[in-house]
């Protein structure tokens, strides 16, 4: 049961980051929409951390921080499962 809860939590947050990436490709979308604002609000603190580590280059203005963030999230999920498998 706890494994499923952890897995779903990581999956939902990864999906929120992926939705955020897709929304960034749609500049004409209304960012005052409550659902869109919620996605930005829950993902921005996490993505801002990775933007400080890997800032976008002025010569190549593509933000790779979400990719790094998703990789780190997957690694964290793996480590959490590894720890839980040794405890339980």
Protein backbone atom coordinates (compact mmCIF):
# COMPACT_ATOMS: atom_id res chain seq x y z
CA UNK A 1 0.00 0.00 0.00
CA UNK A 2 2.72 2.50 0.96
CA UNK A 3 4.71 1.58 -2.14
CA UNK A 4 1.73 2.43 -4.32
CA UNK A 5 1.21 5.76 -2.56
CA UNK A 6 4.85 6.71 -3.01
CA UNK A 7 4.88 5.62 -6.64
CA UNK A 8 1.70 7.54 -7.45
CA UNK A 9 3.03 10.65 -5.68
CA UNK A 10 6.23 10.65 -7.71
CA UNK A 11 4.29 9.93 -10.92
CA UNK A 12 1.82 12.77 -10.33
CA UNK A 13 4.62 15.24 -9.65
CA UNK A 14 6.53 14.09 -12.75
CA UNK A 15 3.35 14.52 -14.78
CA UNK A 16 2.92 18.03 -13.37
CA UNK A 17 6.45 18.89 -14.53
CA UNK A 18 5.75 17.45 -17.99
CA UNK A 19 2.51 19.44 -18.21
CA UNK A 20 4.47 22.54 -17.20
CA UNK A 21 6.93 21.87 -20.04
CA UNK A 22 4.09 21.52 -22.53
CA UNK A 23 2.45 24.70 -21.24
CA UNK A 24 5.67 26.61 -21.81
CA UNK A 25 5.33 25.83 -25.52
CA UNK A 26 1.90 27.51 -25.58
CA UNK A 27 2.58 31.19 -24.87
CA UNK A 28 -0.97 32.25 -25.79
CA UNK A 29 -2.52 30.20 -22.98
CA UNK A 30 -4.07 32.15 -20.10
CA UNK A 31 -1.75 31.70 -17.12
CA UNK A 32 -4.36 33.14 -14.78
CA UNK A 33 -6.39 29.94 -15.12
CA UNK A 34 -6.57 28.32 -11.68
CA UNK A 35 -5.43 24.87 -12.90
CA UNK A 36 -2.48 26.31 -14.80
CA UNK A 37 -1.58 28.56 -11.87
CA UNK A 38 -1.70 25.52 -9.54
CA UNK A 39 0.69 23.57 -11.81
CA UNK A 40 3.11 26.50 -11.90
CA UNK A 41 2.84 27.02 -8.13
CA UNK A 42 3.66 23.40 -7.23
CA UNK A 43 6.47 22.97 -9.76
CA UNK A 44 8.24 26.34 -9.64
CA UNK A 45 10.13 25.91 -6.33
CA UNK A 46 11.54 22.55 -7.47
CA UNK A 47 12.37 23.74 -10.99
CA UNK A 48 13.92 27.00 -9.69
CA UNK A 49 16.44 24.94 -7.74
CA UNK A 50 17.55 23.18 -10.93
CA UNK A 51 17.53 26.46 -12.90
CA UNK A 52 20.16 27.76 -10.49
CA UNK A 53 22.27 24.66 -11.19
CA UNK A 54 21.71 24.67 -14.96
CA UNK A 55 20.69 28.18 -16.11
CA UNK A 56 19.51 28.70 -19.71
CA UNK A 57 22.25 29.96 -21.98
CA UNK A 58 21.67 33.32 -23.72
CA UNK A 59 23.04 31.89 -26.96
CA UNK A 60 20.77 28.81 -26.77
CA UNK A 61 17.64 29.82 -24.85
CA UNK A 62 16.33 26.33 -24.08
CA UNK A 63 15.72 25.47 -20.45
CA UNK A 64 17.07 21.99 -19.72
CA UNK A 65 16.40 22.23 -16.00
CA UNK A 66 13.08 20.30 -16.19
CA UNK A 67 14.93 17.33 -17.70
CA UNK A 68 17.46 17.43 -14.89
CA UNK A 69 14.61 17.80 -12.38
CA UNK A 70 12.78 14.74 -13.71
CA UNK A 71 15.97 12.66 -13.68
CA UNK A 72 16.60 13.73 -10.06
CA UNK A 73 12.98 12.91 -9.18
CA UNK A 74 13.32 9.43 -10.68
CA UNK A 75 16.56 8.90 -8.78
CA UNK A 76 14.90 10.03 -5.55
CA UNK A 77 12.01 7.62 -6.16
CA UNK A 78 14.48 4.78 -6.70
CA UNK A 79 16.35 5.65 -3.50
CA UNK A 80 13.13 5.88 -1.48
CA UNK A 81 12.07 2.44 -2.72
CA UNK A 82 15.53 1.06 -1.97
CA UNK A 83 15.39 2.39 1.59
CA UNK A 84 11.86 1.11 2.14
CA UNK A 85 12.73 -2.33 0.78
CA UNK A 86 15.55 -2.62 3.32
CA UNK A 87 13.38 -1.40 6.22
CA UNK A 88 10.26 -3.43 5.50
